[in-house]
């Protein structure tokens, strides 16, 4: 295993590298992304083991077996990469650095959400719908401009937890095995964890496990947004704190409500609420008590809150990493 000192250093360097260059589009077109590889495996397992003729009980058991098998496979892959990294000197450290940077999505998330704001500002609603469809699962054609903006901000808040905080937390706790296992669980939840007729039984295990592994990161992300509100002009620490206390537990997700309510309260917005997925209306609780008429300018304000929050977290991690390695330098 990569020791905790090296984990801190790797995480700081990986977050900086990914924020600077994200995951290159050319690389994705050529070989995909580790998450897309995991997704292909999950799709194959879903096709193979989630049989319509099986009973509810059998499908639930099969789903639990699949998610546990995915976790074990992910841990094995993580251990193999760490073993190669430890045996490879500088090249091994570079291998580990690339692996961690690939599984952190801070820069990629920033760019995707910024595209939504830019599309609305320069090309209008149709382009905004097209841009937001790349980051949300709801029906874009059902969204007006305010709906597009709320969807982008909600995605930013939730994915800040799922795509940045949680992988970082699980890397610090369990190294690459923990980080890759988390990504496998989170990807499985997004693919089979929803309550559709096909996946209600088979995806139960993935959804419940995802709820557990995202619990610490969702609360930490909310705290980061609250702290960032003290620095971002026009944002409200009190509004963020009150929204989290009042609304976070009302969200249909046990975790998404924490960063979403913090973001909503900080910016004086209302997020979540009723929305359409797959032609079906989901009547969710509102996060925040501000205005629902969000604009492209609000998307950019949300991006600044996100950037300040994670810059602060990065600086704290860098300081912690320096303190950890300082005795080795003396």
C-alpha atoms as a PDB file:
ATOM      1  CA  UNK A   1       0.000   0.000   0.000  1.00  0.00           C
ATOM      2  CA  UNK A   2       1.084   3.586  -0.649  1.00  0.00           C
ATOM      3  CA  UNK A   3       1.642   5.007   2.819  1.00  0.00           C
ATOM      4  CA  UNK A   4      -0.440   7.954   4.150  1.00  0.00           C
ATOM      5  CA  UNK A   5       2.409  10.426   3.662  1.00  0.00           C
ATOM      6  CA  UNK A   6       2.673   9.556  -0.020  1.00  0.00           C
ATOM      7  CA  UNK A   7      -1.129   9.630  -0.337  1.00  0.00           C
ATOM      8  CA  UNK A   8      -1.251  13.242   0.818  1.00  0.00           C
ATOM      9  CA  UNK A   9       1.466  14.260  -1.632  1.00  0.00           C
ATOM     10  CA  UNK A  10      -0.096  12.285  -4.491  1.00  0.00           C
ATOM     11  CA  UNK A  11      -3.539  13.766  -3.863  1.00  0.00           C
ATOM     12  CA  UNK A  12      -2.256  17.351  -3.807  1.00  0.00           C
ATOM     13  CA  UNK A  13      -0.305  16.888  -7.042  1.00  0.00           C
ATOM     14  CA  UNK A  14      -3.101  14.947  -8.745  1.00  0.00           C
ATOM     15  CA  UNK A  15      -5.749  17.543  -7.886  1.00  0.00           C
ATOM     16  CA  UNK A  16      -3.527  20.314  -9.243  1.00  0.00           C
ATOM     17  CA  UNK A  17      -2.802  18.396 -12.459  1.00  0.00           C
ATOM     18  CA  UNK A  18      -6.441  17.474 -13.095  1.00  0.00           C
ATOM     19  CA  UNK A  19      -7.668  20.999 -12.359  1.00  0.00           C
ATOM     20  CA  UNK A  20      -5.175  22.337 -14.897  1.00  0.00           C
ATOM     21  CA  UNK A  21      -5.783  19.942 -17.816  1.00  0.00           C
ATOM     22  CA  UNK A  22      -8.837  17.827 -16.867  1.00  0.00           C
ATOM     23  CA  UNK A  23      -9.207  14.580 -18.833  1.00  0.00           C
ATOM     24  CA  UNK A  24      -8.238  15.294 -22.453  1.00  0.00           C
ATOM     25  CA  UNK A  25     -11.052  14.833 -24.965  1.00  0.00           C
ATOM     26  CA  UNK A  26      -8.633  13.242 -27.419  1.00  0.00           C
ATOM     27  CA  UNK A  27      -7.692  10.571 -24.875  1.00  0.00           C
ATOM     28  CA  UNK A  28     -11.350   9.893 -24.122  1.00  0.00           C
ATOM     29  CA  UNK A  29     -12.132   9.486 -27.828  1.00  0.00           C
ATOM     30  CA  UNK A  30      -9.188   7.127 -28.232  1.00  0.00           C
ATOM     31  CA  UNK A  31      -9.489   4.859 -25.193  1.00  0.00           C
ATOM     32  CA  UNK A  32     -12.422   6.067 -23.100  1.00  0.00           C
ATOM     33  CA  UNK A  33     -12.087   6.685 -19.364  1.00  0.00           C
ATOM     34  CA  UNK A  34     -11.779   4.300 -16.398  1.00  0.00           C
ATOM     35  CA  UNK A  35     -15.345   5.169 -15.397  1.00  0.00           C
ATOM     36  CA  UNK A  36     -16.579   4.297 -18.896  1.00  0.00           C
ATOM     37  CA  UNK A  37     -14.679   0.993 -18.672  1.00  0.00           C
ATOM     38  CA  UNK A  38     -16.378   0.266 -15.356  1.00  0.00           C
ATOM     39  CA  UNK A  39     -19.691   1.279 -16.890  1.00  0.00           C
ATOM     40  CA  UNK A  40     -19.245  -1.164 -19.779  1.00  0.00           C
ATOM     41  CA  UNK A  41     -18.601  -3.971 -17.318  1.00  0.00           C
ATOM     42  CA  UNK A  42     -21.673  -3.043 -15.263  1.00  0.00           C
ATOM     43  CA  UNK A  43     -23.835  -2.950 -18.388  1.00  0.00           C
ATOM     44  CA  UNK A  44     -22.632  -6.432 -19.351  1.00  0.00           C
ATOM     45  CA  UNK A  45     -23.303  -7.785 -15.856  1.00  0.00           C
ATOM     46  CA  UNK A  46     -26.742  -6.173 -15.835  1.00  0.00           C
ATOM     47  CA  UNK A  47     -27.555  -7.814 -19.171  1.00  0.00           C
ATOM     48  CA  UNK A  48     -26.267 -11.188 -17.981  1.00  0.00           C
ATOM     49  CA  UNK A  49     -27.675 -11.452 -14.461  1.00  0.00           C
ATOM     50  CA  UNK A  50     -30.689  -9.113 -14.259  1.00  0.00           C
ATOM     51  CA  UNK A  51     -33.170 -11.481 -15.861  1.00  0.00           C
ATOM     52  CA  UNK A  52     -36.794 -10.421 -16.265  1.00  0.00           C
ATOM     53  CA  UNK A  53     -38.042 -13.980 -15.663  1.00  0.00           C
ATOM     54  CA  UNK A  54     -36.314 -14.209 -12.248  1.00  0.00           C
ATOM     55  CA  UNK A  55     -38.151 -13.457  -9.019  1.00  0.00           C
ATOM     56  CA  UNK A  56     -37.713 -10.200  -7.111  1.00  0.00           C
ATOM     57  CA  UNK A  57     -35.669 -12.025  -4.446  1.00  0.00           C
ATOM     58  CA  UNK A  58     -33.338 -13.676  -6.950  1.00  0.00           C
ATOM     59  CA  UNK A  59     -32.763 -10.388  -8.789  1.00  0.00           C
ATOM     60  CA  UNK A  60     -31.940  -8.617  -5.527  1.00  0.00           C
ATOM     61  CA  UNK A  61     -29.482 -11.339  -4.522  1.00  0.00           C
ATOM     62  CA  UNK A  62     -27.907 -11.219  -7.994  1.00  0.00           C
ATOM     63  CA  UNK A  63     -27.526  -7.448  -7.733  1.00  0.00           C
ATOM     64  CA  UNK A  64     -25.851  -7.717  -4.333  1.00  0.00           C
ATOM     65  CA  UNK A  65     -23.476 -10.370  -5.674  1.00  0.00           C
ATOM     66  CA  UNK A  66     -22.621  -8.172  -8.663  1.00  0.00           C
ATOM     67  CA  UNK A  67     -21.832  -5.058  -6.619  1.00  0.00           C
ATOM     68  CA  UNK A  68     -19.717  -7.036  -4.140  1.00  0.00           C
ATOM     69  CA  UNK A  69     -17.843  -8.664  -7.025  1.00  0.00           C
ATOM     70  CA  UNK A  70     -17.226  -5.238  -8.566  1.00  0.00           C
ATOM     71  CA  UNK A  71     -15.837  -3.945  -5.274  1.00  0.00           C
ATOM     72  CA  UNK A  72     -13.490  -6.911  -4.924  1.00  0.00           C
ATOM     73  CA  UNK A  73     -12.323  -6.514  -8.525  1.00  0.00           C
ATOM     74  CA  UNK A  74     -11.746  -2.787  -7.996  1.00  0.00           C
ATOM     75  CA  UNK A  75      -9.712  -3.446  -4.859  1.00  0.00           C
ATOM     76  CA  UNK A  76      -7.630  -5.994  -6.742  1.00  0.00           C
ATOM     77  CA  UNK A  77      -6.946  -3.552  -9.567  1.00  0.00           C
ATOM     78  CA  UNK A  78      -6.001  -0.856  -7.047  1.00  0.00           C
ATOM     79  CA  UNK A  79      -3.612  -3.197  -5.242  1.00  0.00           C
ATOM     80  CA  UNK A  80      -1.992  -4.179  -8.548  1.00  0.00           C
ATOM     81  CA  UNK A  81      -1.454  -0.536  -9.555  1.00  0.00           C
ATOM     82  CA  UNK A  82       0.000   0.284  -6.136  1.00  0.00           C
ATOM     83  CA  UNK A  83       2.347  -2.703  -6.310  1.00  0.00           C
ATOM     84  CA  UNK A  84       3.550  -1.580  -9.736  1.00  0.00           C
ATOM     85  CA  UNK A  85       3.925   1.994  -8.477  1.00  0.00           C
ATOM     86  CA  UNK A  86       5.976   0.969  -5.457  1.00  0.00           C
ATOM     87  CA  UNK A  87       8.277  -1.160  -7.590  1.00  0.00           C
ATOM     88  CA  UNK A  88       8.790   1.454 -10.285  1.00  0.00           C
ATOM     89  CA  UNK A  89      10.640   4.356  -8.626  1.00  0.00           C
ATOM     90  CA  UNK A  90       9.952   7.687 -10.331  1.00  0.00           C
ATOM     91  CA  UNK A  91       7.998   5.970 -13.115  1.00  0.00           C
ATOM     92  CA  UNK A  92       5.915   4.197 -10.482  1.00  0.00           C
ATOM     93  CA  UNK A  93       5.144   7.451  -8.719  1.00  0.00           C
ATOM     94  CA  UNK A  94       4.098   8.923 -12.085  1.00  0.00           C
ATOM     95  CA  UNK A  95       1.820   5.920 -12.679  1.00  0.00           C
ATOM     96  CA  UNK A  96       0.129   6.418  -9.319  1.00  0.00           C
ATOM     97  CA  UNK A  97      -0.163  10.159  -9.953  1.00  0.00           C
ATOM     98  CA  UNK A  98      -1.896   9.607 -13.307  1.00  0.00           C
ATOM     99  CA  UNK A  99      -4.250   7.040 -11.778  1.00  0.00           C
ATOM    100  CA  UNK A 100      -5.329   9.381  -8.978  1.00  0.00           C
ATOM    101  CA  UNK A 101      -5.670  12.391 -11.293  1.00  0.00           C
ATOM    102  CA  UNK A 102      -7.819  10.352 -13.674  1.00  0.00           C
ATOM    103  CA  UNK A 103     -10.269   9.491 -10.891  1.00  0.00           C
ATOM    104  CA  UNK A 104     -10.637  13.067  -9.596  1.00  0.00           C
ATOM    105  CA  UNK A 105     -13.003  15.228 -11.651  1.00  0.00           C
ATOM    106  CA  UNK A 106     -12.578  18.768 -10.318  1.00  0.00           C
ATOM    107  CA  UNK A 107     -11.379  20.346 -13.557  1.00  0.00           C
ATOM    108  CA  UNK A 108     -13.662  18.297 -15.793  1.00  0.00           C
ATOM    109  CA  UNK A 109     -16.697  19.237 -13.712  1.00  0.00           C
ATOM    110  CA  UNK A 110     -15.777  22.927 -13.821  1.00  0.00           C
ATOM    111  CA  UNK A 111     -15.471  22.850 -17.602  1.00  0.00           C
ATOM    112  CA  UNK A 112     -18.762  21.013 -18.150  1.00  0.00           C
ATOM    113  CA  UNK A 113     -20.742  23.438 -15.998  1.00  0.00           C
ATOM    114  CA  UNK A 114     -19.020  26.485 -17.500  1.00  0.00           C
ATOM    115  CA  UNK A 115     -20.102  25.258 -20.945  1.00  0.00           C
ATOM    116  CA  UNK A 116     -23.744  25.452 -19.853  1.00  0.00           C
ATOM    117  CA  UNK A 117     -23.401  29.098 -18.806  1.00  0.00           C
ATOM    118  CA  UNK A 118     -21.472  29.953 -21.964  1.00  0.00           C
ATOM    119  CA  UNK A 119     -24.016  28.199 -24.200  1.00  0.00           C
ATOM    120  CA  UNK A 120     -26.920  30.110 -22.642  1.00  0.00           C
ATOM    121  CA  UNK A 121     -25.085  33.422 -22.879  1.00  0.00           C
ATOM    122  CA  UNK A 122     -23.934  33.067 -26.469  1.00  0.00           C
ATOM    123  CA  UNK A 123     -26.390  30.735 -28.232  1.00  0.00           C
ATOM    124  CA  UNK A 124     -29.562  30.652 -26.166  1.00  0.00           C
ATOM    125  CA  UNK A 125     -31.883  28.070 -24.610  1.00  0.00           C
ATOM    126  CA  UNK A 126     -31.533  25.248 -27.144  1.00  0.00           C
ATOM    127  CA  UNK A 127     -27.744  25.267 -26.815  1.00  0.00           C
ATOM    128  CA  UNK A 128     -28.084  25.465 -23.029  1.00  0.00           C
ATOM    129  CA  UNK A 129     -30.338  22.420 -23.010  1.00  0.00           C
ATOM    130  CA  UNK A 130     -27.844  20.535 -25.158  1.00  0.00           C
ATOM    131  CA  UNK A 131     -24.955  21.455 -22.850  1.00  0.00           C
ATOM    132  CA  UNK A 132     -26.799  20.570 -19.642  1.00  0.00           C
ATOM    133  CA  UNK A 133     -27.893  17.207 -21.074  1.00  0.00           C
ATOM    134  CA  UNK A 134     -24.225  16.165 -20.818  1.00  0.00           C
ATOM    135  CA  UNK A 135     -24.244  16.479 -17.020  1.00  0.00           C
ATOM    136  CA  UNK A 136     -27.792  15.654 -15.837  1.00  0.00           C
ATOM    137  CA  UNK A 137     -30.191  12.747 -16.277  1.00  0.00           C
ATOM    138  CA  UNK A 138     -33.429  14.714 -16.446  1.00  0.00           C
ATOM    139  CA  UNK A 139     -35.296  15.548 -19.664  1.00  0.00           C
ATOM    140  CA  UNK A 140     -33.646  18.700 -21.095  1.00  0.00           C
ATOM    141  CA  UNK A 141     -36.603  19.478 -23.371  1.00  0.00           C
ATOM    142  CA  UNK A 142     -38.763  19.982 -20.276  1.00  0.00           C
ATOM    143  CA  UNK A 143     -36.470  22.747 -18.973  1.00  0.00           C
ATOM    144  CA  UNK A 144     -36.855  26.475 -19.452  1.00  0.00           C
ATOM    145  CA  UNK A 145     -33.806  28.723 -19.017  1.00  0.00           C
ATOM    146  CA  UNK A 146     -34.175  28.865 -15.233  1.00  0.00           C
ATOM    147  CA  UNK A 147     -34.563  25.068 -15.177  1.00  0.00           C
ATOM    148  CA  UNK A 148     -31.391  24.617 -17.200  1.00  0.00           C
ATOM    149  CA  UNK A 149     -29.503  26.874 -14.794  1.00  0.00           C
ATOM    150  CA  UNK A 150     -30.865  25.108 -11.692  1.00  0.00           C
ATOM    151  CA  UNK A 151     -30.006  21.724 -13.208  1.00  0.00           C
ATOM    152  CA  UNK A 152     -26.426  22.847 -13.872  1.00  0.00           C
ATOM    153  CA  UNK A 153     -25.994  24.222 -10.353  1.00  0.00           C
ATOM    154  CA  UNK A 154     -27.506  21.107  -8.763  1.00  0.00           C
ATOM    155  CA  UNK A 155     -25.195  18.913 -10.843  1.00  0.00           C
ATOM    156  CA  UNK A 156     -22.216  21.020  -9.806  1.00  0.00           C
ATOM    157  CA  UNK A 157     -23.118  20.707  -6.117  1.00  0.00           C
ATOM    158  CA  UNK A 158     -23.827  16.971  -6.182  1.00  0.00           C
ATOM    159  CA  UNK A 159     -20.862  16.056  -8.378  1.00  0.00           C
ATOM    160  CA  UNK A 160     -18.547  18.190  -6.256  1.00  0.00           C
ATOM    161  CA  UNK A 161     -19.255  15.592  -3.578  1.00  0.00           C
ATOM    162  CA  UNK A 162     -19.413  12.458  -5.758  1.00  0.00           C
ATOM    163  CA  UNK A 163     -16.685  13.368  -8.221  1.00  0.00           C
ATOM    164  CA  UNK A 164     -14.180  15.301  -6.119  1.00  0.00           C
ATOM    165  CA  UNK A 165     -14.600  15.047  -2.338  1.00  0.00           C
ATOM    166  CA  UNK A 166     -15.557  11.380  -2.114  1.00  0.00           C
ATOM    167  CA  UNK A 167     -12.762   9.998  -4.338  1.00  0.00           C
ATOM    168  CA  UNK A 168     -10.271  12.132  -2.400  1.00  0.00           C
ATOM    169  CA  UNK A 169     -11.604  10.928   0.962  1.00  0.00           C
ATOM    170  CA  UNK A 170     -11.547   7.286  -0.052  1.00  0.00           C
ATOM    171  CA  UNK A 171      -8.044   7.643  -1.497  1.00  0.00           C
ATOM    172  CA  UNK A 172      -6.782   9.071   1.787  1.00  0.00           C
ATOM    173  CA  UNK A 173      -8.547   6.302   3.715  1.00  0.00           C
ATOM    174  CA  UNK A 174      -7.787   3.313   1.491  1.00  0.00           C
ATOM    175  CA  UNK A 175      -5.316   4.337  -1.200  1.00  0.00           C
ATOM    176  CA  UNK A 176      -6.019   3.412  -4.812  1.00  0.00           C
ATOM    177  CA  UNK A 177      -7.993   0.287  -3.813  1.00  0.00           C
ATOM    178  CA  UNK A 178     -10.377   2.454  -1.800  1.00  0.00           C
ATOM    179  CA  UNK A 179     -10.606   5.094  -4.507  1.00  0.00           C
ATOM    180  CA  UNK A 180     -11.283   2.660  -7.361  1.00  0.00           C
ATOM    181  CA  UNK A 181     -13.781   0.721  -5.252  1.00  0.00           C
ATOM    182  CA  UNK A 182     -15.623   3.976  -4.568  1.00  0.00           C
ATOM    183  CA  UNK A 183     -15.758   4.822  -8.282  1.00  0.00           C
ATOM    184  CA  UNK A 184     -17.128   1.347  -9.041  1.00  0.00           C
ATOM    185  CA  UNK A 185     -19.872   1.739  -6.429  1.00  0.00           C
ATOM    186  CA  UNK A 186     -20.784   5.248  -7.542  1.00  0.00           C
ATOM    187  CA  UNK A 187     -20.881   4.256 -11.222  1.00  0.00           C
ATOM    188  CA  UNK A 188     -23.034   1.236 -10.437  1.00  0.00           C
ATOM    189  CA  UNK A 189     -25.472   3.418  -8.515  1.00  0.00           C
ATOM    190  CA  UNK A 190     -25.781   5.865 -11.411  1.00  0.00           C
ATOM    191  CA  UNK A 191     -26.456   3.018 -13.863  1.00  0.00           C
ATOM    192  CA  UNK A 192     -28.562   0.492 -11.950  1.00  0.00           C
ATOM    193  CA  UNK A 193     -29.351   2.151  -8.616  1.00  0.00           C
ATOM    194  CA  UNK A 194     -32.483   4.008  -9.711  1.00  0.00           C
ATOM    195  CA  UNK A 195     -36.005   2.821  -8.948  1.00  0.00           C
ATOM    196  CA  UNK A 196     -37.056   1.804 -12.444  1.00  0.00           C
ATOM    197  CA  UNK A 197     -38.992  -1.408 -12.946  1.00  0.00           C
ATOM    198  CA  UNK A 198     -35.906  -3.133 -14.327  1.00  0.00           C
ATOM    199  CA  UNK A 199     -33.524  -2.080 -11.558  1.00  0.00           C
ATOM    200  CA  UNK A 200     -35.700  -1.767  -8.467  1.00  0.00           C
ATOM    201  CA  UNK A 201     -34.541  -5.172  -7.205  1.00  0.00           C
ATOM    202  CA  UNK A 202     -31.235  -5.669  -9.025  1.00  0.00           C
ATOM    203  CA  UNK A 203     -29.877  -2.202  -8.209  1.00  0.00           C
ATOM    204  CA  UNK A 204     -30.901  -2.178  -4.540  1.00  0.00           C
ATOM    205  CA  UNK A 205     -27.483  -3.257  -3.264  1.00  0.00           C
ATOM    206  CA  UNK A 206     -25.618  -0.703  -5.375  1.00  0.00           C
ATOM    207  CA  UNK A 207     -27.917   2.123  -4.268  1.00  0.00           C
ATOM    208  CA  UNK A 208     -27.677   1.284  -0.561  1.00  0.00           C
ATOM    209  CA  UNK A 209     -23.899   0.881  -0.662  1.00  0.00           C
ATOM    210  CA  UNK A 210     -23.534   4.170  -2.537  1.00  0.00           C
ATOM    211  CA  UNK A 211     -25.592   5.893   0.174  1.00  0.00           C
ATOM    212  CA  UNK A 212     -23.136   4.649   2.797  1.00  0.00           C
ATOM    213  CA  UNK A 213     -19.859   5.470   1.011  1.00  0.00           C
ATOM    214  CA  UNK A 214     -21.036   8.987   0.078  1.00  0.00           C
ATOM    215  CA  UNK A 215     -22.196   9.959   3.552  1.00  0.00           C
ATOM    216  CA  UNK A 216     -18.931  11.532   4.826  1.00  0.00           C
ATOM    217  CA  UNK A 217     -18.138  13.358   1.581  1.00  0.00           C
ATOM    218  CA  UNK A 218     -21.595  14.915   1.237  1.00  0.00           C
ATOM    219  CA  UNK A 219     -21.392  16.468   4.710  1.00  0.00           C
ATOM    220  CA  UNK A 220     -17.810  17.610   4.152  1.00  0.00           C
ATOM    221  CA  UNK A 221     -18.709  19.201   0.805  1.00  0.00           C
ATOM    222  CA  UNK A 222     -21.556  21.120   2.437  1.00  0.00           C
ATOM    223  CA  UNK A 223     -19.108  22.443   5.034  1.00  0.00           C
ATOM    224  CA  UNK A 224     -16.681  23.469   2.278  1.00  0.00           C
ATOM    225  CA  UNK A 225     -19.447  25.446   0.534  1.00  0.00           C
ATOM    226  CA  UNK A 226     -20.446  27.112   3.801  1.00  0.00           C
ATOM    227  CA  UNK A 227     -16.835  28.111   4.440  1.00  0.00           C
ATOM    228  CA  UNK A 228     -16.414  29.352   0.856  1.00  0.00           C
ATOM    229  CA  UNK A 229     -19.495  31.552   1.256  1.00  0.00           C
ATOM    230  CA  UNK A 230     -17.494  33.645   3.712  1.00  0.00           C
ATOM    231  CA  UNK A 231     -15.091  34.567   0.897  1.00  0.00           C
ATOM    232  CA  UNK A 232     -17.228  34.737  -2.264  1.00  0.00           C
ATOM    233  CA  UNK A 233     -18.805  38.197  -2.737  1.00  0.00           C
ATOM    234  CA  UNK A 234     -22.582  38.141  -2.366  1.00  0.00           C
ATOM    235  CA  UNK A 235     -22.696  34.648  -0.885  1.00  0.00           C
ATOM    236  CA  UNK A 236     -24.218  34.040   2.544  1.00  0.00           C
ATOM    237  CA  UNK A 237     -22.714  31.833   5.228  1.00  0.00           C
ATOM    238  CA  UNK A 238     -25.866  32.134   7.318  1.00  0.00           C
ATOM    239  CA  UNK A 239     -28.080  31.318   4.353  1.00  0.00           C
ATOM    240  CA  UNK A 240     -26.029  28.225   3.537  1.00  0.00           C
ATOM    241  CA  UNK A 241     -26.012  27.023   7.138  1.00  0.00           C
ATOM    242  CA  UNK A 242     -29.747  27.566   7.600  1.00  0.00           C
ATOM    243  CA  UNK A 243     -30.581  25.800   4.332  1.00  0.00           C
ATOM    244  CA  UNK A 244     -28.515  22.758   5.288  1.00  0.00           C
ATOM    245  CA  UNK A 245     -30.129  22.518   8.713  1.00  0.00           C
ATOM    246  CA  UNK A 246     -33.631  22.997   7.340  1.00  0.00           C
ATOM    247  CA  UNK A 247     -33.610  21.227   3.979  1.00  0.00           C
ATOM    248  CA  UNK A 248     -30.761  18.712   3.566  1.00  0.00           C
ATOM    249  CA  UNK A 249     -32.655  15.771   5.075  1.00  0.00           C
ATOM    250  CA  UNK A 250     -35.732  16.520   2.976  1.00  0.00           C
ATOM    251  CA  UNK A 251     -34.028  15.580  -0.296  1.00  0.00           C
ATOM    252  CA  UNK A 252     -35.003  12.233  -1.825  1.00  0.00           C
ATOM    253  CA  UNK A 253     -31.295  11.323  -1.705  1.00  0.00           C
ATOM    254  CA  UNK A 254     -29.755  10.902   1.769  1.00  0.00           C
ATOM    255  CA  UNK A 255     -26.586  12.631   0.535  1.00  0.00           C
ATOM    256  CA  UNK A 256     -27.287  14.972  -2.395  1.00  0.00           C
ATOM    257  CA  UNK A 257     -29.344  17.320  -0.234  1.00  0.00           C
ATOM    258  CA  UNK A 258     -26.320  18.393   1.803  1.00  0.00           C
ATOM    259  CA  UNK A 259     -24.187  20.036  -0.908  1.00  0.00           C
ATOM    260  CA  UNK A 260     -27.271  21.162  -2.861  1.00  0.00           C
ATOM    261  CA  UNK A 261     -28.874  22.900   0.117  1.00  0.00           C
ATOM    262  CA  UNK A 262     -25.549  24.532   1.069  1.00  0.00           C
ATOM    263  CA  UNK A 263     -25.119  25.808  -2.489  1.00  0.00           C
ATOM    264  CA  UNK A 264     -28.727  27.041  -2.667  1.00  0.00           C
ATOM    265  CA  UNK A 265     -28.577  28.842   0.661  1.00  0.00           C
ATOM    266  CA  UNK A 266     -25.209  30.424  -0.079  1.00  0.00           C
ATOM    267  CA  UNK A 267     -26.461  31.855  -3.387  1.00  0.00           C
ATOM    268  CA  UNK A 268     -29.989  32.776  -2.310  1.00  0.00           C
ATOM    269  CA  UNK A 269     -31.596  30.227  -4.647  1.00  0.00           C
ATOM    270  CA  UNK A 270     -34.057  27.366  -4.577  1.00  0.00           C
ATOM    271  CA  UNK A 271     -32.751  24.121  -6.061  1.00  0.00           C
ATOM    272  CA  UNK A 272     -34.104  20.598  -6.625  1.00  0.00           C
ATOM    273  CA  UNK A 273     -37.900  20.649  -6.252  1.00  0.00           C
ATOM    274  CA  UNK A 274     -40.213  18.978  -8.828  1.00  0.00           C
ATOM    275  CA  UNK A 275     -38.463  17.843 -12.013  1.00  0.00           C
ATOM    276  CA  UNK A 276     -38.914  15.350 -14.843  1.00  0.00           C
ATOM    277  CA  UNK A 277     -36.862  12.166 -15.365  1.00  0.00           C
ATOM    278  CA  UNK A 278     -37.699   9.844 -18.242  1.00  0.00           C
ATOM    279  CA  UNK A 279     -41.071  11.476 -18.703  1.00  0.00           C
ATOM    280  CA  UNK A 280     -41.962  10.977 -15.012  1.00  0.00           C
ATOM    281  CA  UNK A 281     -42.428  13.860 -12.580  1.00  0.00           C
ATOM    282  CA  UNK A 282     -40.347  13.555  -9.404  1.00  0.00           C
ATOM    283  CA  UNK A 283     -41.873  15.752  -6.695  1.00  0.00           C
ATOM    284  CA  UNK A 284     -38.805  16.479  -4.565  1.00  0.00           C
ATOM    285  CA  UNK A 285     -38.367  18.901  -1.670  1.00  0.00           C
ATOM    286  CA  UNK A 286     -36.945  22.345  -2.463  1.00  0.00           C
ATOM    287  CA  UNK A 287     -33.416  23.079  -1.251  1.00  0.00           C
ATOM    288  CA  UNK A 288     -33.142  26.692  -0.051  1.00  0.00           C
ATOM    289  CA  UNK A 289     -35.849  29.335   0.203  1.00  0.00           C
ATOM    290  CA  UNK A 290     -34.561  31.915  -2.312  1.00  0.00           C
ATOM    291  CA  UNK A 291     -35.591  32.541  -5.910  1.00  0.00           C
ATOM    292  CA  UNK A 292     -36.159  29.691  -8.354  1.00  0.00           C
ATOM    293  CA  UNK A 293     -35.517  31.890 -11.406  1.00  0.00           C
ATOM    294  CA  UNK A 294     -31.814  31.083 -11.714  1.00  0.00           C
ATOM    295  CA  UNK A 295     -29.758  32.634 -14.516  1.00  0.00           C
ATOM    296  CA  UNK A 296     -26.483  31.988 -16.316  1.00  0.00           C
ATOM    297  CA  UNK A 297     -24.931  34.551 -13.964  1.00  0.00           C
ATOM    298  CA  UNK A 298     -25.986  32.333 -11.041  1.00  0.00           C
ATOM    299  CA  UNK A 299     -24.275  29.355 -12.691  1.00  0.00           C
ATOM    300  CA  UNK A 300     -21.070  31.395 -12.799  1.00  0.00           C
ATOM    301  CA  UNK A 301     -21.541  32.438  -9.133  1.00  0.00           C
ATOM    302  CA  UNK A 302     -21.950  28.760  -8.244  1.00  0.00           C
ATOM    303  CA  UNK A 303     -18.729  27.968 -10.087  1.00  0.00           C
ATOM    304  CA  UNK A 304     -16.873  30.586  -8.046  1.00  0.00           C
ATOM    305  CA  UNK A 305     -18.240  29.112  -4.812  1.00  0.00           C
ATOM    306  CA  UNK A 306     -17.118  25.669  -5.972  1.00  0.00           C
ATOM    307  CA  UNK A 307     -13.653  26.910  -6.981  1.00  0.00           C
ATOM    308  CA  UNK A 308     -13.059  28.735  -3.707  1.00  0.00           C
ATOM    309  CA  UNK A 309     -14.267  25.722  -1.701  1.00  0.00           C
ATOM    310  CA  UNK A 310     -11.895  23.307  -3.392  1.00  0.00           C
ATOM    311  CA  UNK A 311      -8.989  25.715  -3.559  1.00  0.00           C
ATOM    312  CA  UNK A 312      -9.331  26.023   0.203  1.00  0.00           C
ATOM    313  CA  UNK A 313      -9.467  22.248   0.565  1.00  0.00           C
ATOM    314  CA  UNK A 314      -6.436  21.876  -1.700  1.00  0.00           C
ATOM    315  CA  UNK A 315      -4.445  24.396   0.349  1.00  0.00           C
ATOM    316  CA  UNK A 316      -5.324  22.538   3.548  1.00  0.00           C
ATOM    317  CA  UNK A 317      -4.293  19.232   1.958  1.00  0.00           C
ATOM    318  CA  UNK A 318      -1.054  20.802   0.706  1.00  0.00           C
ATOM    319  CA  UNK A 319      -0.295  22.132   4.188  1.00  0.00           C
ATOM    320  CA  UNK A 320      -1.029  18.723   5.690  1.00  0.00           C
ATOM    321  CA  UNK A 321       1.153  17.003   3.121  1.00  0.00           C
ATOM    322  CA  UNK A 322       4.015  19.410   3.797  1.00  0.00           C
ATOM    323  CA  UNK A 323       3.790  18.825   7.548  1.00  0.00           C
ATOM    324  CA  UNK A 324       3.769  15.073   6.946  1.00  0.00           C
ATOM    325  CA  UNK A 325       6.872  15.030   4.729  1.00  0.00           C
ATOM    326  CA  UNK A 326       8.810  17.767   6.524  1.00  0.00           C
ATOM    327  CA  UNK A 327      10.477  15.353   9.005  1.00  0.00           C
ATOM    328  CA  UNK A 328      11.721  13.364   5.999  1.00  0.00           C
ATOM    329  CA  UNK A 329      13.352  16.480   4.546  1.00  0.00           C
ATOM    330  CA  UNK A 330      15.209  17.496   7.725  1.00  0.00           C
END
